[in-house]
């Protein structure tokens, strides 16, 4: 399965070309995330967790070095393909929108290379 690429619109209307993180790039953090999830397996299905349990899980991910900030640091600089865009210049909303695609949460994209 190829890594998908997409053009994402930023808050100012400009566009940024991004690609999803590859399996090789994701494996280290995903392994840590799975380890943390196993520690919370006694709580049952994550979809039924209380807000406090979800916050505790989120804190555990951060403590293990695999939370959202770690994902941003590890993947966004590599996955933003537009040279004129820096992660440091993006708003929180833009970062989270891009991260959603980079992680593979959104299947929108193209398997074909995008023209820049």
PDB file of N, CA and C in Angstrom:
ATOM      1  N   UNK A   1       0.846  -1.167   0.000  1.00  0.00           N
ATOM      2  CA  UNK A   1       0.000   0.000   0.000  1.00  0.00           C
ATOM      3  C   UNK A   1       0.896   1.236   0.000  1.00  0.00           C
ATOM      4  N   UNK A   2       0.750   2.093  -0.981  1.00  0.00           N
ATOM      5  CA  UNK A   2       1.590   3.285  -1.033  1.00  0.00           C
ATOM      6  C   UNK A   2       1.195   4.301   0.036  1.00  0.00           C
ATOM      7  N   UNK A   3       2.173   5.122   0.400  1.00  0.00           N
ATOM      8  CA  UNK A   3       1.918   6.224   1.312  1.00  0.00           C
ATOM      9  C   UNK A   3       1.155   7.287   0.532  1.00  0.00           C
ATOM     10  N   UNK A   4       0.028   7.724   1.074  1.00  0.00           N
ATOM     11  CA  UNK A   4      -0.793   8.704   0.379  1.00  0.00           C
ATOM     12  C   UNK A   4      -0.240  10.113   0.542  1.00  0.00           C
ATOM     13  N   UNK A   5      -0.514  10.950  -0.439  1.00  0.00           N
ATOM     14  CA  UNK A   5      -0.128  12.355  -0.407  1.00  0.00           C
ATOM     15  C   UNK A   5      -1.383  13.182  -0.617  1.00  0.00           C
ATOM     16  N   UNK A   6      -1.367  14.406  -0.095  1.00  0.00           N
ATOM     17  CA  UNK A   6      -2.538  15.257  -0.217  1.00  0.00           C
ATOM     18  C   UNK A   6      -2.141  16.717  -0.145  1.00  0.00           C
ATOM     19  N   UNK A   7      -3.041  17.544  -0.620  1.00  0.00           N
ATOM     20  CA  UNK A   7      -2.896  18.985  -0.510  1.00  0.00           C
ATOM     21  C   UNK A   7      -3.908  19.433   0.543  1.00  0.00           C
ATOM     22  N   UNK A   8      -3.432  20.102   1.576  1.00  0.00           N
ATOM     23  CA  UNK A   8      -4.299  20.532   2.670  1.00  0.00           C
ATOM     24  C   UNK A   8      -4.318  22.055   2.715  1.00  0.00           C
ATOM     25  N   UNK A   9      -5.528  22.586   2.829  1.00  0.00           N
ATOM     26  CA  UNK A   9      -5.676  24.044   2.872  1.00  0.00           C
ATOM     27  C   UNK A   9      -5.445  24.552   4.293  1.00  0.00           C
ATOM     28  N   UNK A  10      -4.623  25.596   4.399  1.00  0.00           N
ATOM     29  CA  UNK A  10      -4.340  26.232   5.684  1.00  0.00           C
ATOM     30  C   UNK A  10      -5.370  27.326   5.955  1.00  0.00           C
ATOM     31  N   UNK A  11      -5.334  27.885   7.154  1.00  0.00           N
ATOM     32  CA  UNK A  11      -6.306  28.890   7.574  1.00  0.00           C
ATOM     33  C   UNK A  11      -6.336  30.114   6.660  1.00  0.00           C
ATOM     34  N   UNK A  12      -5.179  30.470   6.089  1.00  0.00           N
ATOM     35  CA  UNK A  12      -5.119  31.663   5.234  1.00  0.00           C
ATOM     36  C   UNK A  12      -5.479  31.375   3.779  1.00  0.00           C
ATOM     37  N   UNK A  13      -5.880  30.147   3.489  1.00  0.00           N
ATOM     38  CA  UNK A  13      -6.266  29.765   2.133  1.00  0.00           C
ATOM     39  C   UNK A  13      -5.137  29.182   1.308  1.00  0.00           C
ATOM     40  N   UNK A  14      -3.907  29.313   1.787  1.00  0.00           N
ATOM     41  CA  UNK A  14      -2.789  28.701   1.068  1.00  0.00           C
ATOM     42  C   UNK A  14      -2.856  27.187   1.241  1.00  0.00           C
ATOM     43  N   UNK A  15      -2.096  26.475   0.447  1.00  0.00           N
ATOM     44  CA  UNK A  15      -2.129  25.009   0.492  1.00  0.00           C
ATOM     45  C   UNK A  15      -0.749  24.471   0.814  1.00  0.00           C
ATOM     46  N   UNK A  16      -0.743  23.345   1.466  1.00  0.00           N
ATOM     47  CA  UNK A  16       0.495  22.666   1.814  1.00  0.00           C
ATOM     48  C   UNK A  16       0.395  21.216   1.331  1.00  0.00           C
ATOM     49  N   UNK A  17       1.470  20.733   0.731  1.00  0.00           N
ATOM     50  CA  UNK A  17       1.525  19.338   0.292  1.00  0.00           C
ATOM     51  C   UNK A  17       2.101  18.504   1.425  1.00  0.00           C
ATOM     52  N   UNK A  18       1.417  17.419   1.740  1.00  0.00           N
ATOM     53  CA  UNK A  18       1.861  16.535   2.813  1.00  0.00           C
ATOM     54  C   UNK A  18       1.724  15.084   2.380  1.00  0.00           C
ATOM     55  N   UNK A  19       2.421  14.228   3.080  1.00  0.00           N
ATOM     56  CA  UNK A  19       2.275  12.791   2.859  1.00  0.00           C
ATOM     57  C   UNK A  19       2.004  12.147   4.205  1.00  0.00           C
ATOM     58  N   UNK A  20       1.425  10.968   4.145  1.00  0.00           N
ATOM     59  CA  UNK A  20       1.233  10.217   5.375  1.00  0.00           C
ATOM     60  C   UNK A  20       2.590   9.702   5.855  1.00  0.00           C
ATOM     61  N   UNK A  21       2.704   9.503   7.147  1.00  0.00           N
ATOM     62  CA  UNK A  21       3.906   8.892   7.703  1.00  0.00           C
ATOM     63  C   UNK A  21       3.942   7.436   7.246  1.00  0.00           C
ATOM     64  N   UNK A  22       5.117   6.977   6.912  1.00  0.00           N
ATOM     65  CA  UNK A  22       5.260   5.586   6.475  1.00  0.00           C
ATOM     66  C   UNK A  22       5.213   4.651   7.678  1.00  0.00           C
ATOM     67  N   UNK A  23       5.010   3.402   7.402  1.00  0.00           N
ATOM     68  CA  UNK A  23       5.009   2.404   8.465  1.00  0.00           C
ATOM     69  C   UNK A  23       6.312   2.390   9.238  1.00  0.00           C
ATOM     70  N   UNK A  24       7.415   2.541   8.530  1.00  0.00           N
ATOM     71  CA  UNK A  24       8.728   2.559   9.174  1.00  0.00           C
ATOM     72  C   UNK A  24       8.849   3.743  10.130  1.00  0.00           C
ATOM     73  N   UNK A  25       8.310   4.892   9.729  1.00  0.00           N
ATOM     74  CA  UNK A  25       8.359   6.074  10.583  1.00  0.00           C
ATOM     75  C   UNK A  25       7.434   5.935  11.789  1.00  0.00           C
ATOM     76  N   UNK A  26       6.322   5.239  11.623  1.00  0.00           N
ATOM     77  CA  UNK A  26       5.313   5.153  12.669  1.00  0.00           C
ATOM     78  C   UNK A  26       5.557   4.034  13.678  1.00  0.00           C
ATOM     79  N   UNK A  27       6.312   3.033  13.318  1.00  0.00           N
ATOM     80  CA  UNK A  27       6.392   1.810  14.126  1.00  0.00           C
ATOM     81  C   UNK A  27       6.889   2.053  15.553  1.00  0.00           C
ATOM     82  N   UNK A  28       7.868   2.948  15.734  1.00  0.00           N
ATOM     83  CA  UNK A  28       8.421   3.188  17.072  1.00  0.00           C
ATOM     84  C   UNK A  28       7.350   3.744  18.007  1.00  0.00           C
ATOM     85  N   UNK A  29       6.634   4.779  17.549  1.00  0.00           N
ATOM     86  CA  UNK A  29       5.601   5.376  18.401  1.00  0.00           C
ATOM     87  C   UNK A  29       4.398   4.447  18.568  1.00  0.00           C
ATOM     88  N   UNK A  30       4.025   3.745  17.506  1.00  0.00           N
ATOM     89  CA  UNK A  30       2.888   2.830  17.604  1.00  0.00           C
ATOM     90  C   UNK A  30       3.161   1.688  18.569  1.00  0.00           C
ATOM     91  N   UNK A  31       4.402   1.237  18.637  1.00  0.00           N
ATOM     92  CA  UNK A  31       4.776   0.185  19.580  1.00  0.00           C
ATOM     93  C   UNK A  31       4.629   0.685  21.011  1.00  0.00           C
ATOM     94  N   UNK A  32       5.071   1.905  21.257  1.00  0.00           N
ATOM     95  CA  UNK A  32       4.917   2.495  22.587  1.00  0.00           C
ATOM     96  C   UNK A  32       3.440   2.689  22.922  1.00  0.00           C
ATOM     97  N   UNK A  33       2.656   3.149  21.942  1.00  0.00           N
ATOM     98  CA  UNK A  33       1.228   3.346  22.176  1.00  0.00           C
ATOM     99  C   UNK A  33       0.544   2.030  22.523  1.00  0.00           C
ATOM    100  N   UNK A  34       0.911   0.963  21.845  1.00  0.00           N
ATOM    101  CA  UNK A  34       0.318  -0.351  22.123  1.00  0.00           C
ATOM    102  C   UNK A  34       0.673  -0.813  23.527  1.00  0.00           C
ATOM    103  N   UNK A  35       1.905  -0.539  23.948  1.00  0.00           N
ATOM    104  CA  UNK A  35       2.338  -0.917  25.299  1.00  0.00           C
ATOM    105  C   UNK A  35       1.492  -0.183  26.347  1.00  0.00           C
ATOM    106  N   UNK A  36       1.266   1.107  26.137  1.00  0.00           N
ATOM    107  CA  UNK A  36       0.443   1.884  27.066  1.00  0.00           C
ATOM    108  C   UNK A  36      -0.988   1.366  27.059  1.00  0.00           C
ATOM    109  N   UNK A  37      -1.541   1.098  25.877  1.00  0.00           N
ATOM    110  CA  UNK A  37      -2.910   0.600  25.783  1.00  0.00           C
ATOM    111  C   UNK A  37      -3.074  -0.720  26.544  1.00  0.00           C
ATOM    112  N   UNK A  38      -2.073  -1.593  26.455  1.00  0.00           N
ATOM    113  CA  UNK A  38      -2.149  -2.864  27.187  1.00  0.00           C
ATOM    114  C   UNK A  38      -2.224  -2.625  28.699  1.00  0.00           C
ATOM    115  N   UNK A  39      -1.558  -1.577  29.183  1.00  0.00           N
ATOM    116  CA  UNK A  39      -1.605  -1.263  30.616  1.00  0.00           C
ATOM    117  C   UNK A  39      -2.998  -0.810  31.044  1.00  0.00           C
ATOM    118  N   UNK A  40      -3.808  -0.384  30.091  1.00  0.00           N
ATOM    119  CA  UNK A  40      -5.159   0.089  30.384  1.00  0.00           C
ATOM    120  C   UNK A  40      -6.223  -0.928  29.964  1.00  0.00           C
ATOM    121  N   UNK A  41      -5.823  -2.111  29.575  1.00  0.00           N
ATOM    122  CA  UNK A  41      -6.782  -3.113  29.080  1.00  0.00           C
ATOM    123  C   UNK A  41      -7.798  -3.524  30.138  1.00  0.00           C
ATOM    124  N   UNK A  42      -7.430  -3.404  31.405  1.00  0.00           N
ATOM    125  CA  UNK A  42      -8.367  -3.763  32.472  1.00  0.00           C
ATOM    126  C   UNK A  42      -9.594  -2.835  32.517  1.00  0.00           C
ATOM    127  N   UNK A  43      -9.523  -1.708  31.818  1.00  0.00           N
ATOM    128  CA  UNK A  43     -10.645  -0.771  31.786  1.00  0.00           C
ATOM    129  C   UNK A  43     -11.682  -1.125  30.725  1.00  0.00           C
ATOM    130  N   UNK A  44     -11.377  -2.132  29.901  1.00  0.00           N
ATOM    131  CA  UNK A  44     -12.330  -2.549  28.870  1.00  0.00           C
ATOM    132  C   UNK A  44     -12.167  -1.746  27.587  1.00  0.00           C
ATOM    133  N   UNK A  45     -13.220  -1.668  26.828  1.00  0.00           N
ATOM    134  CA  UNK A  45     -13.231  -1.004  25.528  1.00  0.00           C
ATOM    135  C   UNK A  45     -12.973   0.493  25.701  1.00  0.00           C
ATOM    136  N   UNK A  46     -11.946   1.039  25.031  1.00  0.00           N
ATOM    137  CA  UNK A  46     -11.654   2.479  25.148  1.00  0.00           C
ATOM    138  C   UNK A  46     -12.842   3.372  24.785  1.00  0.00           C
ATOM    139  N   UNK A  47     -13.732   2.889  23.942  1.00  0.00           N
ATOM    140  CA  UNK A  47     -14.903   3.682  23.556  1.00  0.00           C
ATOM    141  C   UNK A  47     -15.853   3.907  24.736  1.00  0.00           C
ATOM    142  N   UNK A  48     -15.719   3.102  25.773  1.00  0.00           N
ATOM    143  CA  UNK A  48     -16.605   3.234  26.937  1.00  0.00           C
ATOM    144  C   UNK A  48     -15.909   3.893  28.133  1.00  0.00           C
ATOM    145  N   UNK A  49     -14.676   4.320  27.969  1.00  0.00           N
ATOM    146  CA  UNK A  49     -13.942   4.937  29.071  1.00  0.00           C
ATOM    147  C   UNK A  49     -14.579   6.261  29.467  1.00  0.00           C
ATOM    148  N   UNK A  50     -14.462   6.570  30.749  1.00  0.00           N
ATOM    149  CA  UNK A  50     -14.912   7.868  31.241  1.00  0.00           C
ATOM    150  C   UNK A  50     -13.921   8.942  30.794  1.00  0.00           C
ATOM    151  N   UNK A  51     -14.299  10.178  30.957  1.00  0.00           N
ATOM    152  CA  UNK A  51     -13.405  11.273  30.596  1.00  0.00           C
ATOM    153  C   UNK A  51     -12.124  11.220  31.434  1.00  0.00           C
ATOM    154  N   UNK A  52     -12.254  10.887  32.717  1.00  0.00           N
ATOM    155  CA  UNK A  52     -11.073  10.777  33.580  1.00  0.00           C
ATOM    156  C   UNK A  52     -10.143   9.661  33.113  1.00  0.00           C
ATOM    157  N   UNK A  53     -10.705   8.532  32.691  1.00  0.00           N
ATOM    158  CA  UNK A  53      -9.886   7.426  32.183  1.00  0.00           C
ATOM    159  C   UNK A  53      -9.192   7.816  30.885  1.00  0.00           C
ATOM    160  N   UNK A  54      -9.889   8.547  30.025  1.00  0.00           N
ATOM    161  CA  UNK A  54      -9.278   9.008  28.784  1.00  0.00           C
ATOM    162  C   UNK A  54      -8.136   9.973  29.058  1.00  0.00           C
ATOM    163  N   UNK A  55      -8.317  10.860  30.025  1.00  0.00           N
ATOM    164  CA  UNK A  55      -7.253  11.803  30.384  1.00  0.00           C
ATOM    165  C   UNK A  55      -6.052  11.068  30.982  1.00  0.00           C
ATOM    166  N   UNK A  56      -6.315  10.074  31.804  1.00  0.00           N
ATOM    167  CA  UNK A  56      -5.235   9.276  32.392  1.00  0.00           C
ATOM    168  C   UNK A  56      -4.453   8.546  31.295  1.00  0.00           C
ATOM    169  N   UNK A  57      -5.167   8.022  30.314  1.00  0.00           N
ATOM    170  CA  UNK A  57      -4.528   7.343  29.183  1.00  0.00           C
ATOM    171  C   UNK A  57      -3.690   8.336  28.369  1.00  0.00           C
ATOM    172  N   UNK A  58      -4.251   9.497  28.108  1.00  0.00           N
ATOM    173  CA  UNK A  58      -3.523  10.523  27.356  1.00  0.00           C
ATOM    174  C   UNK A  58      -2.241  10.931  28.090  1.00  0.00           C
ATOM    175  N   UNK A  59      -2.334  11.098  29.401  1.00  0.00           N
ATOM    176  CA  UNK A  59      -1.147  11.428  30.202  1.00  0.00           C
ATOM    177  C   UNK A  59      -0.107  10.315  30.129  1.00  0.00           C
ATOM    178  N   UNK A  60      -0.574   9.066  30.157  1.00  0.00           N
ATOM    179  CA  UNK A  60       0.345   7.922  30.074  1.00  0.00           C
ATOM    180  C   UNK A  60       1.051   7.893  28.716  1.00  0.00           C
ATOM    181  N   UNK A  61       0.327   8.223  27.646  1.00  0.00           N
ATOM    182  CA  UNK A  61       0.955   8.297  26.321  1.00  0.00           C
ATOM    183  C   UNK A  61       2.047   9.364  26.311  1.00  0.00           C
ATOM    184  N   UNK A  62       1.740  10.521  26.885  1.00  0.00           N
ATOM    185  CA  UNK A  62       2.732  11.601  26.951  1.00  0.00           C
ATOM    186  C   UNK A  62       3.958  11.174  27.753  1.00  0.00           C
ATOM    187  N   UNK A  63       3.733  10.531  28.895  1.00  0.00           N
ATOM    188  CA  UNK A  63       4.828  10.086  29.752  1.00  0.00           C
ATOM    189  C   UNK A  63       5.708   9.049  29.059  1.00  0.00           C
ATOM    190  N   UNK A  64       5.109   8.232  28.213  1.00  0.00           N
ATOM    191  CA  UNK A  64       5.845   7.186  27.488  1.00  0.00           C
ATOM    192  C   UNK A  64       6.548   7.756  26.252  1.00  0.00           C
ATOM    193  N   UNK A  65       6.243   9.011  25.901  1.00  0.00           N
ATOM    194  CA  UNK A  65       6.891   9.632  24.740  1.00  0.00           C
ATOM    195  C   UNK A  65       6.225   9.294  23.423  1.00  0.00           C
ATOM    196  N   UNK A  66       4.901   9.095  23.455  1.00  0.00           N
ATOM    197  CA  UNK A  66       4.198   8.740  22.218  1.00  0.00           C
ATOM    198  C   UNK A  66       2.859   9.454  22.089  1.00  0.00           C
ATOM    199  N   UNK A  67       2.721  10.577  22.764  1.00  0.00           N
ATOM    200  CA  UNK A  67       1.492  11.359  22.695  1.00  0.00           C
ATOM    201  C   UNK A  67       1.466  12.236  21.449  1.00  0.00           C
ATOM    202  N   UNK A  68       0.511  13.124  21.395  1.00  0.00           N
ATOM    203  CA  UNK A  68       0.335  13.972  20.214  1.00  0.00           C
ATOM    204  C   UNK A  68       1.557  14.830  19.944  1.00  0.00           C
ATOM    205  N   UNK A  69       2.129  15.441  20.963  1.00  0.00           N
ATOM    206  CA  UNK A  69       3.309  16.291  20.759  1.00  0.00           C
ATOM    207  C   UNK A  69       4.464  15.478  20.166  1.00  0.00           C
ATOM    208  N   UNK A  70       4.621  14.245  20.620  1.00  0.00           N
ATOM    209  CA  UNK A  70       5.680  13.379  20.094  1.00  0.00           C
ATOM    210  C   UNK A  70       5.417  13.015  18.635  1.00  0.00           C
ATOM    211  N   UNK A  71       4.155  12.794  18.290  1.00  0.00           N
ATOM    212  CA  UNK A  71       3.792  12.497  16.902  1.00  0.00           C
ATOM    213  C   UNK A  71       4.103  13.696  16.006  1.00  0.00           C
ATOM    214  N   UNK A  72       3.755  14.879  16.478  1.00  0.00           N
ATOM    215  CA  UNK A  72       4.025  16.094  15.712  1.00  0.00           C
ATOM    216  C   UNK A  72       5.518  16.245  15.484  1.00  0.00           C
ATOM    217  N   UNK A  73       6.306  16.111  16.548  1.00  0.00           N
ATOM    218  CA  UNK A  73       7.763  16.262  16.442  1.00  0.00           C
ATOM    219  C   UNK A  73       8.386  15.231  15.503  1.00  0.00           C
ATOM    220  N   UNK A  74       7.892  14.005  15.570  1.00  0.00           N
ATOM    221  CA  UNK A  74       8.489  12.917  14.783  1.00  0.00           C
ATOM    222  C   UNK A  74       8.068  12.942  13.319  1.00  0.00           C
ATOM    223  N   UNK A  75       6.838  13.311  13.050  1.00  0.00           N
ATOM    224  CA  UNK A  75       6.307  13.105  11.700  1.00  0.00           C
ATOM    225  C   UNK A  75       6.125  14.356  10.856  1.00  0.00           C
ATOM    226  N   UNK A  76       5.649  15.452  11.437  1.00  0.00           N
ATOM    227  CA  UNK A  76       5.327  16.611  10.601  1.00  0.00           C
ATOM    228  C   UNK A  76       6.512  17.181   9.836  1.00  0.00           C
ATOM    229  N   UNK A  77       7.677  17.357  10.456  1.00  0.00           N
ATOM    230  CA  UNK A  77       8.789  17.906   9.674  1.00  0.00           C
ATOM    231  C   UNK A  77       9.147  17.038   8.456  1.00  0.00           C
ATOM    232  N   UNK A  78       8.994  15.733   8.581  1.00  0.00           N
ATOM    233  CA  UNK A  78       9.310  14.820   7.474  1.00  0.00           C
ATOM    234  C   UNK A  78       8.187  14.742   6.447  1.00  0.00           C
ATOM    235  N   UNK A  79       6.954  14.971   6.889  1.00  0.00           N
ATOM    236  CA  UNK A  79       5.795  14.724   6.032  1.00  0.00           C
ATOM    237  C   UNK A  79       5.256  15.966   5.336  1.00  0.00           C
ATOM    238  N   UNK A  80       5.714  17.139   5.727  1.00  0.00           N
ATOM    239  CA  UNK A  80       5.329  18.351   5.004  1.00  0.00           C
ATOM    240  C   UNK A  80       6.288  18.479   3.833  1.00  0.00           C
ATOM    241  N   UNK A  81       5.749  18.392   2.643  1.00  0.00           N
ATOM    242  CA  UNK A  81       6.560  18.365   1.436  1.00  0.00           C
ATOM    243  C   UNK A  81       6.783  19.751   0.827  1.00  0.00           C
ATOM    244  N   UNK A  82       6.008  20.728   1.238  1.00  0.00           N
ATOM    245  CA  UNK A  82       6.138  22.088   0.720  1.00  0.00           C
ATOM    246  C   UNK A  82       7.295  22.788   1.431  1.00  0.00           C
ATOM    247  N   UNK A  83       8.323  23.158   0.675  1.00  0.00           N
ATOM    248  CA  UNK A  83       9.500  23.796   1.254  1.00  0.00           C
ATOM    249  C   UNK A  83       9.194  25.133   1.919  1.00  0.00           C
ATOM    250  N   UNK A  84       8.192  25.831   1.420  1.00  0.00           N
ATOM    251  CA  UNK A  84       7.896  27.169   1.932  1.00  0.00           C
ATOM    252  C   UNK A  84       7.085  27.160   3.219  1.00  0.00           C
ATOM    253  N   UNK A  85       6.743  25.983   3.741  1.00  0.00           N
ATOM    254  CA  UNK A  85       5.948  25.886   4.958  1.00  0.00           C
ATOM    255  C   UNK A  85       6.786  25.241   6.055  1.00  0.00           C
ATOM    256  N   UNK A  86       6.816  25.899   7.207  1.00  0.00           N
ATOM    257  CA  UNK A  86       7.531  25.393   8.366  1.00  0.00           C
ATOM    258  C   UNK A  86       6.524  25.025   9.448  1.00  0.00           C
ATOM    259  N   UNK A  87       6.760  23.947  10.140  1.00  0.00           N
ATOM    260  CA  UNK A  87       5.870  23.517  11.220  1.00  0.00           C
ATOM    261  C   UNK A  87       5.740  24.622  12.264  1.00  0.00           C
ATOM    262  N   UNK A  88       6.822  25.343  12.509  1.00  0.00           N
ATOM    263  CA  UNK A  88       6.816  26.402  13.519  1.00  0.00           C
ATOM    264  C   UNK A  88       5.887  27.556  13.160  1.00  0.00           C
ATOM    265  N   UNK A  89       5.507  27.684  11.905  1.00  0.00           N
ATOM    266  CA  UNK A  89       4.652  28.785  11.463  1.00  0.00           C
ATOM    267  C   UNK A  89       3.172  28.411  11.421  1.00  0.00           C
ATOM    268  N   UNK A  90       2.837  27.174  11.725  1.00  0.00           N
ATOM    269  CA  UNK A  90       1.453  26.705  11.640  1.00  0.00           C
ATOM    270  C   UNK A  90       0.702  26.957  12.938  1.00  0.00           C
ATOM    271  N   UNK A  91      -0.606  27.174  12.813  1.00  0.00           N
ATOM    272  CA  UNK A  91      -1.451  27.311  13.992  1.00  0.00           C
ATOM    273  C   UNK A  91      -1.734  25.915  14.561  1.00  0.00           C
ATOM    274  N   UNK A  92      -2.231  25.880  15.773  1.00  0.00           N
ATOM    275  CA  UNK A  92      -2.591  24.599  16.392  1.00  0.00           C
ATOM    276  C   UNK A  92      -3.627  23.864  15.552  1.00  0.00           C
ATOM    277  N   UNK A  93      -4.630  24.594  15.077  1.00  0.00           N
ATOM    278  CA  UNK A  93      -5.679  23.971  14.258  1.00  0.00           C
ATOM    279  C   UNK A  93      -5.090  23.391  12.975  1.00  0.00           C
ATOM    280  N   UNK A  94      -4.156  24.105  12.344  1.00  0.00           N
ATOM    281  CA  UNK A  94      -3.531  23.618  11.113  1.00  0.00           C
ATOM    282  C   UNK A  94      -2.690  22.375  11.385  1.00  0.00           C
ATOM    283  N   UNK A  95      -1.946  22.402  12.489  1.00  0.00           N
ATOM    284  CA  UNK A  95      -1.106  21.253  12.854  1.00  0.00           C
ATOM    285  C   UNK A  95      -1.979  20.013  13.066  1.00  0.00           C
ATOM    286  N   UNK A  96      -3.068  20.171  13.793  1.00  0.00           N
ATOM    287  CA  UNK A  96      -3.932  19.024  14.078  1.00  0.00           C
ATOM    288  C   UNK A  96      -4.620  18.515  12.813  1.00  0.00           C
ATOM    289  N   UNK A  97      -4.979  19.419  11.914  1.00  0.00           N
ATOM    290  CA  UNK A  97      -5.587  19.018  10.641  1.00  0.00           C
ATOM    291  C   UNK A  97      -4.588  18.202   9.809  1.00  0.00           C
ATOM    292  N   UNK A  98      -3.350  18.675   9.757  1.00  0.00           N
ATOM    293  CA  UNK A  98      -2.308  17.957   9.011  1.00  0.00           C
ATOM    294  C   UNK A  98      -1.999  16.626   9.687  1.00  0.00           C
ATOM    295  N   UNK A  99      -1.893  16.628  11.018  1.00  0.00           N
ATOM    296  CA  UNK A  99      -1.572  15.404  11.754  1.00  0.00           C
ATOM    297  C   UNK A  99      -2.617  14.323  11.524  1.00  0.00           C
ATOM    298  N   UNK A 100      -3.873  14.710  11.438  1.00  0.00           N
ATOM    299  CA  UNK A 100      -4.948  13.751  11.174  1.00  0.00           C
ATOM    300  C   UNK A 100      -4.669  12.982   9.885  1.00  0.00           C
ATOM    301  N   UNK A 101      -4.242  13.686   8.847  1.00  0.00           N
ATOM    302  CA  UNK A 101      -3.925  13.020   7.585  1.00  0.00           C
ATOM    303  C   UNK A 101      -2.627  12.221   7.686  1.00  0.00           C
ATOM    304  N   UNK A 102      -1.599  12.828   8.274  1.00  0.00           N
ATOM    305  CA  UNK A 102      -0.280  12.185   8.366  1.00  0.00           C
ATOM    306  C   UNK A 102      -0.366  10.853   9.115  1.00  0.00           C
ATOM    307  N   UNK A 103      -1.177  10.795  10.172  1.00  0.00           N
ATOM    308  CA  UNK A 103      -1.335   9.558  10.950  1.00  0.00           C
ATOM    309  C   UNK A 103      -2.110   8.501  10.197  1.00  0.00           C
ATOM    310  N   UNK A 104      -2.899   8.922   9.220  1.00  0.00           N
ATOM    311  CA  UNK A 104      -3.744   7.967   8.507  1.00  0.00           C
ATOM    312  C   UNK A 104      -5.149   7.918   9.033  1.00  0.00           C
ATOM    313  N   UNK A 105      -5.512   8.873   9.908  1.00  0.00           N
ATOM    314  CA  UNK A 105      -6.882   8.933  10.425  1.00  0.00           C
ATOM    315  C   UNK A 105      -7.857   9.244   9.303  1.00  0.00           C
ATOM    316  N   UNK A 106      -7.375   9.977   8.302  1.00  0.00           N
ATOM    317  CA  UNK A 106      -8.187  10.355   7.151  1.00  0.00           C
ATOM    318  C   UNK A 106      -7.638   9.647   5.932  1.00  0.00           C
ATOM    319  N   UNK A 107      -8.491   9.000   5.170  1.00  0.00           N
ATOM    320  CA  UNK A 107      -8.017   8.276   3.999  1.00  0.00           C
ATOM    321  C   UNK A 107      -8.014   9.158   2.763  1.00  0.00           C
ATOM    322  N   UNK A 108      -8.394  10.431   2.920  1.00  0.00           N
ATOM    323  CA  UNK A 108      -8.352  11.339   1.774  1.00  0.00           C
ATOM    324  C   UNK A 108      -6.919  11.469   1.309  1.00  0.00           C
ATOM    325  N   UNK A 109      -6.737  11.470   0.027  1.00  0.00           N
ATOM    326  CA  UNK A 109      -5.403  11.636  -0.502  1.00  0.00           C
ATOM    327  C   UNK A 109      -5.283  10.974  -1.835  1.00  0.00           C
ATOM    328  N   UNK A 110      -4.072  10.940  -2.309  1.00  0.00           N
ATOM    329  CA  UNK A 110      -3.797  10.376  -3.615  1.00  0.00           C
ATOM    330  C   UNK A 110      -2.569   9.493  -3.518  1.00  0.00           C
ATOM    331  N   UNK A 111      -2.607   8.345  -4.138  1.00  0.00           N
ATOM    332  CA  UNK A 111      -1.443   7.480  -4.164  1.00  0.00           C
ATOM    333  C   UNK A 111      -0.444   7.957  -5.208  1.00  0.00           C
ATOM    334  N   UNK A 112      -0.869   8.863  -6.066  1.00  0.00           N
ATOM    335  CA  UNK A 112       0.014   9.400  -7.107  1.00  0.00           C
ATOM    336  C   UNK A 112       0.772  10.598  -6.568  1.00  0.00           C
ATOM    337  N   UNK A 113       1.999  10.803  -7.028  1.00  0.00           N
ATOM    338  CA  UNK A 113       2.761  11.972  -6.599  1.00  0.00           C
ATOM    339  C   UNK A 113       2.042  13.251  -6.985  1.00  0.00           C
ATOM    340  N   UNK A 114       2.089  14.239  -6.111  1.00  0.00           N
ATOM    341  CA  UNK A 114       1.488  15.532  -6.389  1.00  0.00           C
ATOM    342  C   UNK A 114       2.518  16.446  -7.019  1.00  0.00           C
ATOM    343  N   UNK A 115       2.075  17.246  -7.959  1.00  0.00           N
ATOM    344  CA  UNK A 115       2.956  18.234  -8.587  1.00  0.00           C
ATOM    345  C   UNK A 115       3.123  19.390  -7.606  1.00  0.00           C
ATOM    346  N   UNK A 116       4.331  19.901  -7.518  1.00  0.00           N
ATOM    347  CA  UNK A 116       4.578  21.050  -6.649  1.00  0.00           C
ATOM    348  C   UNK A 116       4.957  22.249  -7.469  1.00  0.00           C
TER     349      UNK A 116
END
